[in-house]
Amino acid sequence: MLKSEQNARIHAVITIIVGIFAYILEVSRLEAAVLFMAVILVFAIEIINTAIEKVFDVCHPGNHKLIKAAKDAMAGAVFISAIIATVVALLIFLPHIKNLLLE
């Protein structure tokens, strides 16, 4: 999936960045677990999105308004999961960053 899907590569790079930040900021185990779940949520929904798109492409190679609507809805789900993961990361990282800056 990383070879064929650009969004998956973007998610992978962001995951590495989140891991680096978590290590540098010395987040707790609980915070790391929450970050991990948020990242996995995005990957899982991206995988489901890709699978559904591939099935649609095989079943109906042409354009169809209902298939387009379904693909758009799945892309929206990926986007929402990415927003949720971003908010989770900010809620975890910002207090640590604030503490670093005030030391």
Protein backbone atom coordinates (compact mmCIF):
# COMPACT_ATOMS: atom_id res chain seq x y z
CA MET A 1 0.00 0.00 0.00
CA LEU A 2 2.89 2.38 0.69
CA LYS A 3 4.14 1.85 -2.87
CA SER A 4 0.85 2.58 -4.59
CA GLU A 5 -0.98 5.04 -2.33
CA GLN A 6 0.44 8.54 -1.89
CA ASN A 7 -1.75 9.25 1.14
CA ALA A 8 -0.42 6.14 2.88
CA ARG A 9 3.13 7.43 2.37
CA ILE A 10 2.12 10.79 3.83
CA HIS A 11 0.55 9.04 6.84
CA ALA A 12 3.72 6.97 7.29
CA VAL A 13 5.93 10.07 7.31
CA ILE A 14 3.64 11.82 9.79
CA THR A 15 3.65 8.69 11.96
CA ILE A 16 7.45 8.77 12.08
CA ILE A 17 7.38 12.48 12.99
CA VAL A 18 4.83 11.81 15.76
CA GLY A 19 7.04 9.01 17.09
CA ILE A 20 10.07 11.28 17.12
CA PHE A 21 8.14 14.01 18.93
CA ALA A 22 6.81 11.48 21.46
CA TYR A 23 10.34 10.28 22.15
CA ILE A 24 11.85 13.76 22.41
CA LEU A 25 9.04 15.07 24.61
CA GLU A 26 9.14 11.94 26.79
CA VAL A 27 5.40 11.36 26.74
CA SER A 28 3.96 8.89 29.23
CA ARG A 29 3.08 5.33 28.28
CA LEU A 30 -0.60 6.21 28.35
CA GLU A 31 -0.04 9.20 26.06
CA ALA A 32 2.04 7.04 23.72
CA ALA A 33 -0.74 4.44 23.64
CA VAL A 34 -3.33 7.10 22.80
CA LEU A 35 -1.09 8.49 20.05
CA PHE A 36 -0.59 4.97 18.70
CA MET A 37 -4.35 4.34 18.60
CA ALA A 38 -4.96 7.67 16.84
CA VAL A 39 -2.34 6.87 14.20
CA ILE A 40 -3.66 3.34 13.70
CA LEU A 41 -7.19 4.71 13.32
CA VAL A 42 -6.07 6.81 10.35
CA PHE A 43 -4.21 3.88 8.77
CA ALA A 44 -7.15 1.53 9.28
CA ILE A 45 -9.64 3.88 7.68
CA GLU A 46 -7.21 4.58 4.83
CA ILE A 47 -6.91 0.83 4.20
CA ILE A 48 -10.70 0.43 4.20
CA ASN A 49 -11.00 3.41 1.85
CA THR A 50 -8.46 1.94 -0.56
CA ALA A 51 -10.13 -1.48 -0.49
CA ILE A 52 -13.57 -0.04 -1.21
CA GLU A 53 -12.20 2.11 -4.04
CA LYS A 54 -10.51 -0.92 -5.63
CA VAL A 55 -13.72 -2.97 -5.43
CA PHE A 56 -15.69 -0.14 -7.02
CA ASP A 57 -13.09 0.22 -9.78
CA VAL A 58 -13.34 -3.51 -10.61
CA CYS A 59 -17.12 -3.73 -10.40
CA HIS A 60 -17.83 -0.52 -12.28
CA PRO A 61 -14.77 0.89 -14.10
CA GLY A 62 -16.71 3.84 -15.51
CA ASN A 63 -17.98 6.90 -13.71
CA HIS A 64 -21.16 6.60 -11.70
CA LYS A 65 -22.59 9.27 -9.42
CA LEU A 66 -23.37 6.85 -6.56
CA ILE A 67 -19.87 5.34 -6.67
CA LYS A 68 -18.40 8.84 -6.69
CA ALA A 69 -20.55 9.73 -3.67
CA ALA A 70 -19.39 6.60 -1.82
CA LYS A 71 -15.73 7.31 -2.64
CA ASP A 72 -16.15 10.92 -1.50
CA ALA A 73 -17.75 9.73 1.75
CA MET A 74 -14.85 7.35 2.42
CA ALA A 75 -12.33 10.11 1.67
CA GLY A 76 -14.26 12.24 4.15
CA ALA A 77 -13.94 9.50 6.76
CA VAL A 78 -10.17 9.41 6.24
CA PHE A 79 -10.04 13.20 6.56
CA ILE A 80 -12.09 13.19 9.77
CA SER A 81 -9.88 10.47 11.28
CA ALA A 82 -6.80 12.53 10.38
CA ILE A 83 -8.32 15.59 12.08
CA ILE A 84 -9.08 13.51 15.19
CA ALA A 85 -5.50 12.20 15.24
CA THR A 86 -4.16 15.75 14.86
CA VAL A 87 -6.27 17.02 17.75
CA VAL A 88 -5.13 14.09 19.92
CA ALA A 89 -1.49 14.82 19.06
CA LEU A 90 -1.91 18.52 19.86
CA LEU A 91 -3.64 17.77 23.16
CA ILE A 92 -0.74 15.52 24.14
CA PHE A 93 2.19 17.47 22.71
CA LEU A 94 1.28 21.09 23.50
CA PRO A 95 1.55 20.79 27.31
CA HIS A 96 4.95 19.07 26.91
CA ILE A 97 6.13 21.78 24.51
CA LYS A 98 4.85 24.47 26.87
CA ASN A 99 6.80 22.89 29.74
CA LEU A 100 9.97 22.77 27.64
CA LEU A 101 9.64 26.43 26.70
CA LEU A 102 9.00 27.55 30.28
CA GLU A 103 11.96 25.66 31.76
